[in-house]
Amino acid sequence: RPTASQTRLTPTKTMSITVSPTVTT
């Protein structure tokens, strides 16, 4: 019985530069 966990990744903005969420398998 494995335990699954989920993590929400939210884009952040710094000085008008948008950082996209990291895509993981």
PDBML (XML) file of the C-alpha atoms, coordinates in Angstrom:
<?xml version="1.0" encoding="UTF-8" ?>
<PDBx:datablock datablockName="MODEL"
   xmlns:PDBx="http://pdbml.pdb.org/schema/pdbx-v50.xsd"
   xmlns:xsi="http://www.w3.org/2001/XMLSchema-instance"
   xsi:schemaLocation="http://pdbml.pdb.org/schema/pdbx-v50.xsd pdbx-v50.xsd">
   <PDBx:atom_siteCategory>
      <PDBx:atom_site id="1">
         <PDBx:B_iso_or_equiv>0.00</PDBx:B_iso_or_equiv>
         <PDBx:Cartn_x>0.000</PDBx:Cartn_x>
         <PDBx:Cartn_y>0.000</PDBx:Cartn_y>
         <PDBx:Cartn_z>0.000</PDBx:Cartn_z>
         <PDBx:auth_asym_id>A</PDBx:auth_asym_id>
         <PDBx:auth_atom_id>CA</PDBx:auth_atom_id>
         <PDBx:auth_comp_id>ARG</PDBx:auth_comp_id>
         <PDBx:auth_seq_id>1</PDBx:auth_seq_id>
         <PDBx:group_PDB>ATOM</PDBx:group_PDB>
         <PDBx:label_alt_id xsi:nil="true" />
         <PDBx:label_asym_id>A</PDBx:label_asym_id>
         <PDBx:label_atom_id>CA</PDBx:label_atom_id>
         <PDBx:label_comp_id>ARG</PDBx:label_comp_id>
         <PDBx:label_entity_id>1</PDBx:label_entity_id>
         <PDBx:label_seq_id>1</PDBx:label_seq_id>
         <PDBx:occupancy>1.00</PDBx:occupancy>
         <PDBx:pdbx_PDB_model_num>1</PDBx:pdbx_PDB_model_num>
         <PDBx:type_symbol>C</PDBx:type_symbol>
      </PDBx:atom_site>
      <PDBx:atom_site id="2">
         <PDBx:B_iso_or_equiv>0.00</PDBx:B_iso_or_equiv>
         <PDBx:Cartn_x>1.991</PDBx:Cartn_x>
         <PDBx:Cartn_y>2.991</PDBx:Cartn_y>
         <PDBx:Cartn_z>-1.251</PDBx:Cartn_z>
         <PDBx:auth_asym_id>A</PDBx:auth_asym_id>
         <PDBx:auth_atom_id>CA</PDBx:auth_atom_id>
         <PDBx:auth_comp_id>PRO</PDBx:auth_comp_id>
         <PDBx:auth_seq_id>2</PDBx:auth_seq_id>
         <PDBx:group_PDB>ATOM</PDBx:group_PDB>
         <PDBx:label_alt_id xsi:nil="true" />
         <PDBx:label_asym_id>A</PDBx:label_asym_id>
         <PDBx:label_atom_id>CA</PDBx:label_atom_id>
         <PDBx:label_comp_id>PRO</PDBx:label_comp_id>
         <PDBx:label_entity_id>1</PDBx:label_entity_id>
         <PDBx:label_seq_id>2</PDBx:label_seq_id>
         <PDBx:occupancy>1.00</PDBx:occupancy>
         <PDBx:pdbx_PDB_model_num>1</PDBx:pdbx_PDB_model_num>
         <PDBx:type_symbol>C</PDBx:type_symbol>
      </PDBx:atom_site>
      <PDBx:atom_site id="3">
         <PDBx:B_iso_or_equiv>0.00</PDBx:B_iso_or_equiv>
         <PDBx:Cartn_x>1.233</PDBx:Cartn_x>
         <PDBx:Cartn_y>6.497</PDBx:Cartn_y>
         <PDBx:Cartn_z>-0.124</PDBx:Cartn_z>
         <PDBx:auth_asym_id>A</PDBx:auth_asym_id>
         <PDBx:auth_atom_id>CA</PDBx:auth_atom_id>
         <PDBx:auth_comp_id>THR</PDBx:auth_comp_id>
         <PDBx:auth_seq_id>3</PDBx:auth_seq_id>
         <PDBx:group_PDB>ATOM</PDBx:group_PDB>
         <PDBx:label_alt_id xsi:nil="true" />
         <PDBx:label_asym_id>A</PDBx:label_asym_id>
         <PDBx:label_atom_id>CA</PDBx:label_atom_id>
         <PDBx:label_comp_id>THR</PDBx:label_comp_id>
         <PDBx:label_entity_id>1</PDBx:label_entity_id>
         <PDBx:label_seq_id>3</PDBx:label_seq_id>
         <PDBx:occupancy>1.00</PDBx:occupancy>
         <PDBx:pdbx_PDB_model_num>1</PDBx:pdbx_PDB_model_num>
         <PDBx:type_symbol>C</PDBx:type_symbol>
      </PDBx:atom_site>
      <PDBx:atom_site id="4">
         <PDBx:B_iso_or_equiv>0.00</PDBx:B_iso_or_equiv>
         <PDBx:Cartn_x>0.813</PDBx:Cartn_x>
         <PDBx:Cartn_y>9.012</PDBx:Cartn_y>
         <PDBx:Cartn_z>-2.911</PDBx:Cartn_z>
         <PDBx:auth_asym_id>A</PDBx:auth_asym_id>
         <PDBx:auth_atom_id>CA</PDBx:auth_atom_id>
         <PDBx:auth_comp_id>ALA</PDBx:auth_comp_id>
         <PDBx:auth_seq_id>4</PDBx:auth_seq_id>
         <PDBx:group_PDB>ATOM</PDBx:group_PDB>
         <PDBx:label_alt_id xsi:nil="true" />
         <PDBx:label_asym_id>A</PDBx:label_asym_id>
         <PDBx:label_atom_id>CA</PDBx:label_atom_id>
         <PDBx:label_comp_id>ALA</PDBx:label_comp_id>
         <PDBx:label_entity_id>1</PDBx:label_entity_id>
         <PDBx:label_seq_id>4</PDBx:label_seq_id>
         <PDBx:occupancy>1.00</PDBx:occupancy>
         <PDBx:pdbx_PDB_model_num>1</PDBx:pdbx_PDB_model_num>
         <PDBx:type_symbol>C</PDBx:type_symbol>
      </PDBx:atom_site>
      <PDBx:atom_site id="5">
         <PDBx:B_iso_or_equiv>0.00</PDBx:B_iso_or_equiv>
         <PDBx:Cartn_x>1.472</PDBx:Cartn_x>
         <PDBx:Cartn_y>12.701</PDBx:Cartn_y>
         <PDBx:Cartn_z>-2.333</PDBx:Cartn_z>
         <PDBx:auth_asym_id>A</PDBx:auth_asym_id>
         <PDBx:auth_atom_id>CA</PDBx:auth_atom_id>
         <PDBx:auth_comp_id>SER</PDBx:auth_comp_id>
         <PDBx:auth_seq_id>5</PDBx:auth_seq_id>
         <PDBx:group_PDB>ATOM</PDBx:group_PDB>
         <PDBx:label_alt_id xsi:nil="true" />
         <PDBx:label_asym_id>A</PDBx:label_asym_id>
         <PDBx:label_atom_id>CA</PDBx:label_atom_id>
         <PDBx:label_comp_id>SER</PDBx:label_comp_id>
         <PDBx:label_entity_id>1</PDBx:label_entity_id>
         <PDBx:label_seq_id>5</PDBx:label_seq_id>
         <PDBx:occupancy>1.00</PDBx:occupancy>
         <PDBx:pdbx_PDB_model_num>1</PDBx:pdbx_PDB_model_num>
         <PDBx:type_symbol>C</PDBx:type_symbol>
      </PDBx:atom_site>
      <PDBx:atom_site id="6">
         <PDBx:B_iso_or_equiv>0.00</PDBx:B_iso_or_equiv>
         <PDBx:Cartn_x>0.810</PDBx:Cartn_x>
         <PDBx:Cartn_y>15.693</PDBx:Cartn_y>
         <PDBx:Cartn_z>-4.530</PDBx:Cartn_z>
         <PDBx:auth_asym_id>A</PDBx:auth_asym_id>
         <PDBx:auth_atom_id>CA</PDBx:auth_atom_id>
         <PDBx:auth_comp_id>GLN</PDBx:auth_comp_id>
         <PDBx:auth_seq_id>6</PDBx:auth_seq_id>
         <PDBx:group_PDB>ATOM</PDBx:group_PDB>
         <PDBx:label_alt_id xsi:nil="true" />
         <PDBx:label_asym_id>A</PDBx:label_asym_id>
         <PDBx:label_atom_id>CA</PDBx:label_atom_id>
         <PDBx:label_comp_id>GLN</PDBx:label_comp_id>
         <PDBx:label_entity_id>1</PDBx:label_entity_id>
         <PDBx:label_seq_id>6</PDBx:label_seq_id>
         <PDBx:occupancy>1.00</PDBx:occupancy>
         <PDBx:pdbx_PDB_model_num>1</PDBx:pdbx_PDB_model_num>
         <PDBx:type_symbol>C</PDBx:type_symbol>
      </PDBx:atom_site>
      <PDBx:atom_site id="7">
         <PDBx:B_iso_or_equiv>0.00</PDBx:B_iso_or_equiv>
         <PDBx:Cartn_x>2.681</PDBx:Cartn_x>
         <PDBx:Cartn_y>18.973</PDBx:Cartn_y>
         <PDBx:Cartn_z>-4.643</PDBx:Cartn_z>
         <PDBx:auth_asym_id>A</PDBx:auth_asym_id>
         <PDBx:auth_atom_id>CA</PDBx:auth_atom_id>
         <PDBx:auth_comp_id>THR</PDBx:auth_comp_id>
         <PDBx:auth_seq_id>7</PDBx:auth_seq_id>
         <PDBx:group_PDB>ATOM</PDBx:group_PDB>
         <PDBx:label_alt_id xsi:nil="true" />
         <PDBx:label_asym_id>A</PDBx:label_asym_id>
         <PDBx:label_atom_id>CA</PDBx:label_atom_id>
         <PDBx:label_comp_id>THR</PDBx:label_comp_id>
         <PDBx:label_entity_id>1</PDBx:label_entity_id>
         <PDBx:label_seq_id>7</PDBx:label_seq_id>
         <PDBx:occupancy>1.00</PDBx:occupancy>
         <PDBx:pdbx_PDB_model_num>1</PDBx:pdbx_PDB_model_num>
         <PDBx:type_symbol>C</PDBx:type_symbol>
      </PDBx:atom_site>
      <PDBx:atom_site id="8">
         <PDBx:B_iso_or_equiv>0.00</PDBx:B_iso_or_equiv>
         <PDBx:Cartn_x>1.253</PDBx:Cartn_x>
         <PDBx:Cartn_y>22.093</PDBx:Cartn_y>
         <PDBx:Cartn_z>-6.253</PDBx:Cartn_z>
         <PDBx:auth_asym_id>A</PDBx:auth_asym_id>
         <PDBx:auth_atom_id>CA</PDBx:auth_atom_id>
         <PDBx:auth_comp_id>ARG</PDBx:auth_comp_id>
         <PDBx:auth_seq_id>8</PDBx:auth_seq_id>
         <PDBx:group_PDB>ATOM</PDBx:group_PDB>
         <PDBx:label_alt_id xsi:nil="true" />
         <PDBx:label_asym_id>A</PDBx:label_asym_id>
         <PDBx:label_atom_id>CA</PDBx:label_atom_id>
         <PDBx:label_comp_id>ARG</PDBx:label_comp_id>
         <PDBx:label_entity_id>1</PDBx:label_entity_id>
         <PDBx:label_seq_id>8</PDBx:label_seq_id>
         <PDBx:occupancy>1.00</PDBx:occupancy>
         <PDBx:pdbx_PDB_model_num>1</PDBx:pdbx_PDB_model_num>
         <PDBx:type_symbol>C</PDBx:type_symbol>
      </PDBx:atom_site>
      <PDBx:atom_site id="9">
         <PDBx:B_iso_or_equiv>0.00</PDBx:B_iso_or_equiv>
         <PDBx:Cartn_x>3.761</PDBx:Cartn_x>
         <PDBx:Cartn_y>24.165</PDBx:Cartn_y>
         <PDBx:Cartn_z>-8.187</PDBx:Cartn_z>
         <PDBx:auth_asym_id>A</PDBx:auth_asym_id>
         <PDBx:auth_atom_id>CA</PDBx:auth_atom_id>
         <PDBx:auth_comp_id>LEU</PDBx:auth_comp_id>
         <PDBx:auth_seq_id>9</PDBx:auth_seq_id>
         <PDBx:group_PDB>ATOM</PDBx:group_PDB>
         <PDBx:label_alt_id xsi:nil="true" />
         <PDBx:label_asym_id>A</PDBx:label_asym_id>
         <PDBx:label_atom_id>CA</PDBx:label_atom_id>
         <PDBx:label_comp_id>LEU</PDBx:label_comp_id>
         <PDBx:label_entity_id>1</PDBx:label_entity_id>
         <PDBx:label_seq_id>9</PDBx:label_seq_id>
         <PDBx:occupancy>1.00</PDBx:occupancy>
         <PDBx:pdbx_PDB_model_num>1</PDBx:pdbx_PDB_model_num>
         <PDBx:type_symbol>C</PDBx:type_symbol>
      </PDBx:atom_site>
      <PDBx:atom_site id="10">
         <PDBx:B_iso_or_equiv>0.00</PDBx:B_iso_or_equiv>
         <PDBx:Cartn_x>2.776</PDBx:Cartn_x>
         <PDBx:Cartn_y>27.788</PDBx:Cartn_y>
         <PDBx:Cartn_z>-8.753</PDBx:Cartn_z>
         <PDBx:auth_asym_id>A</PDBx:auth_asym_id>
         <PDBx:auth_atom_id>CA</PDBx:auth_atom_id>
         <PDBx:auth_comp_id>THR</PDBx:auth_comp_id>
         <PDBx:auth_seq_id>10</PDBx:auth_seq_id>
         <PDBx:group_PDB>ATOM</PDBx:group_PDB>
         <PDBx:label_alt_id xsi:nil="true" />
         <PDBx:label_asym_id>A</PDBx:label_asym_id>
         <PDBx:label_atom_id>CA</PDBx:label_atom_id>
         <PDBx:label_comp_id>THR</PDBx:label_comp_id>
         <PDBx:label_entity_id>1</PDBx:label_entity_id>
         <PDBx:label_seq_id>10</PDBx:label_seq_id>
         <PDBx:occupancy>1.00</PDBx:occupancy>
         <PDBx:pdbx_PDB_model_num>1</PDBx:pdbx_PDB_model_num>
         <PDBx:type_symbol>C</PDBx:type_symbol>
      </PDBx:atom_site>
      <PDBx:atom_site id="11">
         <PDBx:B_iso_or_equiv>0.00</PDBx:B_iso_or_equiv>
         <PDBx:Cartn_x>4.585</PDBx:Cartn_x>
         <PDBx:Cartn_y>30.082</PDBx:Cartn_y>
         <PDBx:Cartn_z>-11.206</PDBx:Cartn_z>
         <PDBx:auth_asym_id>A</PDBx:auth_asym_id>
         <PDBx:auth_atom_id>CA</PDBx:auth_atom_id>
         <PDBx:auth_comp_id>PRO</PDBx:auth_comp_id>
         <PDBx:auth_seq_id>11</PDBx:auth_seq_id>
         <PDBx:group_PDB>ATOM</PDBx:group_PDB>
         <PDBx:label_alt_id xsi:nil="true" />
         <PDBx:label_asym_id>A</PDBx:label_asym_id>
         <PDBx:label_atom_id>CA</PDBx:label_atom_id>
         <PDBx:label_comp_id>PRO</PDBx:label_comp_id>
         <PDBx:label_entity_id>1</PDBx:label_entity_id>
         <PDBx:label_seq_id>11</PDBx:label_seq_id>
         <PDBx:occupancy>1.00</PDBx:occupancy>
         <PDBx:pdbx_PDB_model_num>1</PDBx:pdbx_PDB_model_num>
         <PDBx:type_symbol>C</PDBx:type_symbol>
      </PDBx:atom_site>
      <PDBx:atom_site id="12">
         <PDBx:B_iso_or_equiv>0.00</PDBx:B_iso_or_equiv>
         <PDBx:Cartn_x>6.359</PDBx:Cartn_x>
         <PDBx:Cartn_y>32.972</PDBx:Cartn_y>
         <PDBx:Cartn_z>-9.481</PDBx:Cartn_z>
         <PDBx:auth_asym_id>A</PDBx:auth_asym_id>
         <PDBx:auth_atom_id>CA</PDBx:auth_atom_id>
         <PDBx:auth_comp_id>THR</PDBx:auth_comp_id>
         <PDBx:auth_seq_id>12</PDBx:auth_seq_id>
         <PDBx:group_PDB>ATOM</PDBx:group_PDB>
         <PDBx:label_alt_id xsi:nil="true" />
         <PDBx:label_asym_id>A</PDBx:label_asym_id>
         <PDBx:label_atom_id>CA</PDBx:label_atom_id>
         <PDBx:label_comp_id>THR</PDBx:label_comp_id>
         <PDBx:label_entity_id>1</PDBx:label_entity_id>
         <PDBx:label_seq_id>12</PDBx:label_seq_id>
         <PDBx:occupancy>1.00</PDBx:occupancy>
         <PDBx:pdbx_PDB_model_num>1</PDBx:pdbx_PDB_model_num>
         <PDBx:type_symbol>C</PDBx:type_symbol>
      </PDBx:atom_site>
      <PDBx:atom_site id="13">
         <PDBx:B_iso_or_equiv>0.00</PDBx:B_iso_or_equiv>
         <PDBx:Cartn_x>7.147</PDBx:Cartn_x>
         <PDBx:Cartn_y>36.440</PDBx:Cartn_y>
         <PDBx:Cartn_z>-10.820</PDBx:Cartn_z>
         <PDBx:auth_asym_id>A</PDBx:auth_asym_id>
         <PDBx:auth_atom_id>CA</PDBx:auth_atom_id>
         <PDBx:auth_comp_id>LYS</PDBx:auth_comp_id>
         <PDBx:auth_seq_id>13</PDBx:auth_seq_id>
         <PDBx:group_PDB>ATOM</PDBx:group_PDB>
         <PDBx:label_alt_id xsi:nil="true" />
         <PDBx:label_asym_id>A</PDBx:label_asym_id>
         <PDBx:label_atom_id>CA</PDBx:label_atom_id>
         <PDBx:label_comp_id>LYS</PDBx:label_comp_id>
         <PDBx:label_entity_id>1</PDBx:label_entity_id>
         <PDBx:label_seq_id>13</PDBx:label_seq_id>
         <PDBx:occupancy>1.00</PDBx:occupancy>
         <PDBx:pdbx_PDB_model_num>1</PDBx:pdbx_PDB_model_num>
         <PDBx:type_symbol>C</PDBx:type_symbol>
      </PDBx:atom_site>
      <PDBx:atom_site id="14">
         <PDBx:B_iso_or_equiv>0.00</PDBx:B_iso_or_equiv>
         <PDBx:Cartn_x>10.255</PDBx:Cartn_x>
         <PDBx:Cartn_y>38.450</PDBx:Cartn_y>
         <PDBx:Cartn_z>-10.102</PDBx:Cartn_z>
         <PDBx:auth_asym_id>A</PDBx:auth_asym_id>
         <PDBx:auth_atom_id>CA</PDBx:auth_atom_id>
         <PDBx:auth_comp_id>THR</PDBx:auth_comp_id>
         <PDBx:auth_seq_id>14</PDBx:auth_seq_id>
         <PDBx:group_PDB>ATOM</PDBx:group_PDB>
         <PDBx:label_alt_id xsi:nil="true" />
         <PDBx:label_asym_id>A</PDBx:label_asym_id>
         <PDBx:label_atom_id>CA</PDBx:label_atom_id>
         <PDBx:label_comp_id>THR</PDBx:label_comp_id>
         <PDBx:label_entity_id>1</PDBx:label_entity_id>
         <PDBx:label_seq_id>14</PDBx:label_seq_id>
         <PDBx:occupancy>1.00</PDBx:occupancy>
         <PDBx:pdbx_PDB_model_num>1</PDBx:pdbx_PDB_model_num>
         <PDBx:type_symbol>C</PDBx:type_symbol>
      </PDBx:atom_site>
      <PDBx:atom_site id="15">
         <PDBx:B_iso_or_equiv>0.00</PDBx:B_iso_or_equiv>
         <PDBx:Cartn_x>10.876</PDBx:Cartn_x>
         <PDBx:Cartn_y>41.753</PDBx:Cartn_y>
         <PDBx:Cartn_z>-11.879</PDBx:Cartn_z>
         <PDBx:auth_asym_id>A</PDBx:auth_asym_id>
         <PDBx:auth_atom_id>CA</PDBx:auth_atom_id>
         <PDBx:auth_comp_id>MET</PDBx:auth_comp_id>
         <PDBx:auth_seq_id>15</PDBx:auth_seq_id>
         <PDBx:group_PDB>ATOM</PDBx:group_PDB>
         <PDBx:label_alt_id xsi:nil="true" />
         <PDBx:label_asym_id>A</PDBx:label_asym_id>
         <PDBx:label_atom_id>CA</PDBx:label_atom_id>
         <PDBx:label_comp_id>MET</PDBx:label_comp_id>
         <PDBx:label_entity_id>1</PDBx:label_entity_id>
         <PDBx:label_seq_id>15</PDBx:label_seq_id>
         <PDBx:occupancy>1.00</PDBx:occupancy>
         <PDBx:pdbx_PDB_model_num>1</PDBx:pdbx_PDB_model_num>
         <PDBx:type_symbol>C</PDBx:type_symbol>
      </PDBx:atom_site>
      <PDBx:atom_site id="16">
         <PDBx:B_iso_or_equiv>0.00</PDBx:B_iso_or_equiv>
         <PDBx:Cartn_x>8.384</PDBx:Cartn_x>
         <PDBx:Cartn_y>40.852</PDBx:Cartn_y>
         <PDBx:Cartn_z>-14.605</PDBx:Cartn_z>
         <PDBx:auth_asym_id>A</PDBx:auth_asym_id>
         <PDBx:auth_atom_id>CA</PDBx:auth_atom_id>
         <PDBx:auth_comp_id>SER</PDBx:auth_comp_id>
         <PDBx:auth_seq_id>16</PDBx:auth_seq_id>
         <PDBx:group_PDB>ATOM</PDBx:group_PDB>
         <PDBx:label_alt_id xsi:nil="true" />
         <PDBx:label_asym_id>A</PDBx:label_asym_id>
         <PDBx:label_atom_id>CA</PDBx:label_atom_id>
         <PDBx:label_comp_id>SER</PDBx:label_comp_id>
         <PDBx:label_entity_id>1</PDBx:label_entity_id>
         <PDBx:label_seq_id>16</PDBx:label_seq_id>
         <PDBx:occupancy>1.00</PDBx:occupancy>
         <PDBx:pdbx_PDB_model_num>1</PDBx:pdbx_PDB_model_num>
         <PDBx:type_symbol>C</PDBx:type_symbol>
      </PDBx:atom_site>
      <PDBx:atom_site id="17">
         <PDBx:B_iso_or_equiv>0.00</PDBx:B_iso_or_equiv>
         <PDBx:Cartn_x>10.205</PDBx:Cartn_x>
         <PDBx:Cartn_y>37.568</PDBx:Cartn_y>
         <PDBx:Cartn_z>-15.370</PDBx:Cartn_z>
         <PDBx:auth_asym_id>A</PDBx:auth_asym_id>
         <PDBx:auth_atom_id>CA</PDBx:auth_atom_id>
         <PDBx:auth_comp_id>ILE</PDBx:auth_comp_id>
         <PDBx:auth_seq_id>17</PDBx:auth_seq_id>
         <PDBx:group_PDB>ATOM</PDBx:group_PDB>
         <PDBx:label_alt_id xsi:nil="true" />
         <PDBx:label_asym_id>A</PDBx:label_asym_id>
         <PDBx:label_atom_id>CA</PDBx:label_atom_id>
         <PDBx:label_comp_id>ILE</PDBx:label_comp_id>
         <PDBx:label_entity_id>1</PDBx:label_entity_id>
         <PDBx:label_seq_id>17</PDBx:label_seq_id>
         <PDBx:occupancy>1.00</PDBx:occupancy>
         <PDBx:pdbx_PDB_model_num>1</PDBx:pdbx_PDB_model_num>
         <PDBx:type_symbol>C</PDBx:type_symbol>
      </PDBx:atom_site>
      <PDBx:atom_site id="18">
         <PDBx:B_iso_or_equiv>0.00</PDBx:B_iso_or_equiv>
         <PDBx:Cartn_x>7.875</PDBx:Cartn_x>
         <PDBx:Cartn_y>34.543</PDBx:Cartn_y>
         <PDBx:Cartn_z>-15.276</PDBx:Cartn_z>
         <PDBx:auth_asym_id>A</PDBx:auth_asym_id>
         <PDBx:auth_atom_id>CA</PDBx:auth_atom_id>
         <PDBx:auth_comp_id>THR</PDBx:auth_comp_id>
         <PDBx:auth_seq_id>18</PDBx:auth_seq_id>
         <PDBx:group_PDB>ATOM</PDBx:group_PDB>
         <PDBx:label_alt_id xsi:nil="true" />
         <PDBx:label_asym_id>A</PDBx:label_asym_id>
         <PDBx:label_atom_id>CA</PDBx:label_atom_id>
         <PDBx:label_comp_id>THR</PDBx:label_comp_id>
         <PDBx:label_entity_id>1</PDBx:label_entity_id>
         <PDBx:label_seq_id>18</PDBx:label_seq_id>
         <PDBx:occupancy>1.00</PDBx:occupancy>
         <PDBx:pdbx_PDB_model_num>1</PDBx:pdbx_PDB_model_num>
         <PDBx:type_symbol>C</PDBx:type_symbol>
      </PDBx:atom_site>
      <PDBx:atom_site id="19">
         <PDBx:B_iso_or_equiv>0.00</PDBx:B_iso_or_equiv>
         <PDBx:Cartn_x>9.276</PDBx:Cartn_x>
         <PDBx:Cartn_y>31.260</PDBx:Cartn_y>
         <PDBx:Cartn_z>-14.009</PDBx:Cartn_z>
         <PDBx:auth_asym_id>A</PDBx:auth_asym_id>
         <PDBx:auth_atom_id>CA</PDBx:auth_atom_id>
         <PDBx:auth_comp_id>VAL</PDBx:auth_comp_id>
         <PDBx:auth_seq_id>19</PDBx:auth_seq_id>
         <PDBx:group_PDB>ATOM</PDBx:group_PDB>
         <PDBx:label_alt_id xsi:nil="true" />
         <PDBx:label_asym_id>A</PDBx:label_asym_id>
         <PDBx:label_atom_id>CA</PDBx:label_atom_id>
         <PDBx:label_comp_id>VAL</PDBx:label_comp_id>
         <PDBx:label_entity_id>1</PDBx:label_entity_id>
         <PDBx:label_seq_id>19</PDBx:label_seq_id>
         <PDBx:occupancy>1.00</PDBx:occupancy>
         <PDBx:pdbx_PDB_model_num>1</PDBx:pdbx_PDB_model_num>
         <PDBx:type_symbol>C</PDBx:type_symbol>
      </PDBx:atom_site>
      <PDBx:atom_site id="20">
         <PDBx:B_iso_or_equiv>0.00</PDBx:B_iso_or_equiv>
         <PDBx:Cartn_x>7.316</PDBx:Cartn_x>
         <PDBx:Cartn_y>28.254</PDBx:Cartn_y>
         <PDBx:Cartn_z>-15.261</PDBx:Cartn_z>
         <PDBx:auth_asym_id>A</PDBx:auth_asym_id>
         <PDBx:auth_atom_id>CA</PDBx:auth_atom_id>
         <PDBx:auth_comp_id>SER</PDBx:auth_comp_id>
         <PDBx:auth_seq_id>20</PDBx:auth_seq_id>
         <PDBx:group_PDB>ATOM</PDBx:group_PDB>
         <PDBx:label_alt_id xsi:nil="true" />
         <PDBx:label_asym_id>A</PDBx:label_asym_id>
         <PDBx:label_atom_id>CA</PDBx:label_atom_id>
         <PDBx:label_comp_id>SER</PDBx:label_comp_id>
         <PDBx:label_entity_id>1</PDBx:label_entity_id>
         <PDBx:label_seq_id>20</PDBx:label_seq_id>
         <PDBx:occupancy>1.00</PDBx:occupancy>
         <PDBx:pdbx_PDB_model_num>1</PDBx:pdbx_PDB_model_num>
         <PDBx:type_symbol>C</PDBx:type_symbol>
      </PDBx:atom_site>
      <PDBx:atom_site id="21">
         <PDBx:B_iso_or_equiv>0.00</PDBx:B_iso_or_equiv>
         <PDBx:Cartn_x>6.625</PDBx:Cartn_x>
         <PDBx:Cartn_y>25.240</PDBx:Cartn_y>
         <PDBx:Cartn_z>-13.067</PDBx:Cartn_z>
         <PDBx:auth_asym_id>A</PDBx:auth_asym_id>
         <PDBx:auth_atom_id>CA</PDBx:auth_atom_id>
         <PDBx:auth_comp_id>PRO</PDBx:auth_comp_id>
         <PDBx:auth_seq_id>21</PDBx:auth_seq_id>
         <PDBx:group_PDB>ATOM</PDBx:group_PDB>
         <PDBx:label_alt_id xsi:nil="true" />
         <PDBx:label_asym_id>A</PDBx:label_asym_id>
         <PDBx:label_atom_id>CA</PDBx:label_atom_id>
         <PDBx:label_comp_id>PRO</PDBx:label_comp_id>
         <PDBx:label_entity_id>1</PDBx:label_entity_id>
         <PDBx:label_seq_id>21</PDBx:label_seq_id>
         <PDBx:occupancy>1.00</PDBx:occupancy>
         <PDBx:pdbx_PDB_model_num>1</PDBx:pdbx_PDB_model_num>
         <PDBx:type_symbol>C</PDBx:type_symbol>
      </PDBx:atom_site>
      <PDBx:atom_site id="22">
         <PDBx:B_iso_or_equiv>0.00</PDBx:B_iso_or_equiv>
         <PDBx:Cartn_x>9.085</PDBx:Cartn_x>
         <PDBx:Cartn_y>22.359</PDBx:Cartn_y>
         <PDBx:Cartn_z>-13.367</PDBx:Cartn_z>
         <PDBx:auth_asym_id>A</PDBx:auth_asym_id>
         <PDBx:auth_atom_id>CA</PDBx:auth_atom_id>
         <PDBx:auth_comp_id>THR</PDBx:auth_comp_id>
         <PDBx:auth_seq_id>22</PDBx:auth_seq_id>
         <PDBx:group_PDB>ATOM</PDBx:group_PDB>
         <PDBx:label_alt_id xsi:nil="true" />
         <PDBx:label_asym_id>A</PDBx:label_asym_id>
         <PDBx:label_atom_id>CA</PDBx:label_atom_id>
         <PDBx:label_comp_id>THR</PDBx:label_comp_id>
         <PDBx:label_entity_id>1</PDBx:label_entity_id>
         <PDBx:label_seq_id>22</PDBx:label_seq_id>
         <PDBx:occupancy>1.00</PDBx:occupancy>
         <PDBx:pdbx_PDB_model_num>1</PDBx:pdbx_PDB_model_num>
         <PDBx:type_symbol>C</PDBx:type_symbol>
      </PDBx:atom_site>
      <PDBx:atom_site id="23">
         <PDBx:B_iso_or_equiv>0.00</PDBx:B_iso_or_equiv>
         <PDBx:Cartn_x>7.620</PDBx:Cartn_x>
         <PDBx:Cartn_y>19.466</PDBx:Cartn_y>
         <PDBx:Cartn_z>-15.329</PDBx:Cartn_z>
         <PDBx:auth_asym_id>A</PDBx:auth_asym_id>
         <PDBx:auth_atom_id>CA</PDBx:auth_atom_id>
         <PDBx:auth_comp_id>VAL</PDBx:auth_comp_id>
         <PDBx:auth_seq_id>23</PDBx:auth_seq_id>
         <PDBx:group_PDB>ATOM</PDBx:group_PDB>
         <PDBx:label_alt_id xsi:nil="true" />
         <PDBx:label_asym_id>A</PDBx:label_asym_id>
         <PDBx:label_atom_id>CA</PDBx:label_atom_id>
         <PDBx:label_comp_id>VAL</PDBx:label_comp_id>
         <PDBx:label_entity_id>1</PDBx:label_entity_id>
         <PDBx:label_seq_id>23</PDBx:label_seq_id>
         <PDBx:occupancy>1.00</PDBx:occupancy>
         <PDBx:pdbx_PDB_model_num>1</PDBx:pdbx_PDB_model_num>
         <PDBx:type_symbol>C</PDBx:type_symbol>
      </PDBx:atom_site>
      <PDBx:atom_site id="24">
         <PDBx:B_iso_or_equiv>0.00</PDBx:B_iso_or_equiv>
         <PDBx:Cartn_x>8.232</PDBx:Cartn_x>
         <PDBx:Cartn_y>16.102</PDBx:Cartn_y>
         <PDBx:Cartn_z>-13.653</PDBx:Cartn_z>
         <PDBx:auth_asym_id>A</PDBx:auth_asym_id>
         <PDBx:auth_atom_id>CA</PDBx:auth_atom_id>
         <PDBx:auth_comp_id>THR</PDBx:auth_comp_id>
         <PDBx:auth_seq_id>24</PDBx:auth_seq_id>
         <PDBx:group_PDB>ATOM</PDBx:group_PDB>
         <PDBx:label_alt_id xsi:nil="true" />
         <PDBx:label_asym_id>A</PDBx:label_asym_id>
         <PDBx:label_atom_id>CA</PDBx:label_atom_id>
         <PDBx:label_comp_id>THR</PDBx:label_comp_id>
         <PDBx:label_entity_id>1</PDBx:label_entity_id>
         <PDBx:label_seq_id>24</PDBx:label_seq_id>
         <PDBx:occupancy>1.00</PDBx:occupancy>
         <PDBx:pdbx_PDB_model_num>1</PDBx:pdbx_PDB_model_num>
         <PDBx:type_symbol>C</PDBx:type_symbol>
      </PDBx:atom_site>
      <PDBx:atom_site id="25">
         <PDBx:B_iso_or_equiv>0.00</PDBx:B_iso_or_equiv>
         <PDBx:Cartn_x>7.297</PDBx:Cartn_x>
         <PDBx:Cartn_y>12.575</PDBx:Cartn_y>
         <PDBx:Cartn_z>-14.662</PDBx:Cartn_z>
         <PDBx:auth_asym_id>A</PDBx:auth_asym_id>
         <PDBx:auth_atom_id>CA</PDBx:auth_atom_id>
         <PDBx:auth_comp_id>THR</PDBx:auth_comp_id>
         <PDBx:auth_seq_id>25</PDBx:auth_seq_id>
         <PDBx:group_PDB>ATOM</PDBx:group_PDB>
         <PDBx:label_alt_id xsi:nil="true" />
         <PDBx:label_asym_id>A</PDBx:label_asym_id>
         <PDBx:label_atom_id>CA</PDBx:label_atom_id>
         <PDBx:label_comp_id>THR</PDBx:label_comp_id>
         <PDBx:label_entity_id>1</PDBx:label_entity_id>
         <PDBx:label_seq_id>25</PDBx:label_seq_id>
         <PDBx:occupancy>1.00</PDBx:occupancy>
         <PDBx:pdbx_PDB_model_num>1</PDBx:pdbx_PDB_model_num>
         <PDBx:type_symbol>C</PDBx:type_symbol>
      </PDBx:atom_site>
   </PDBx:atom_siteCategory>
</PDBx:datablock>
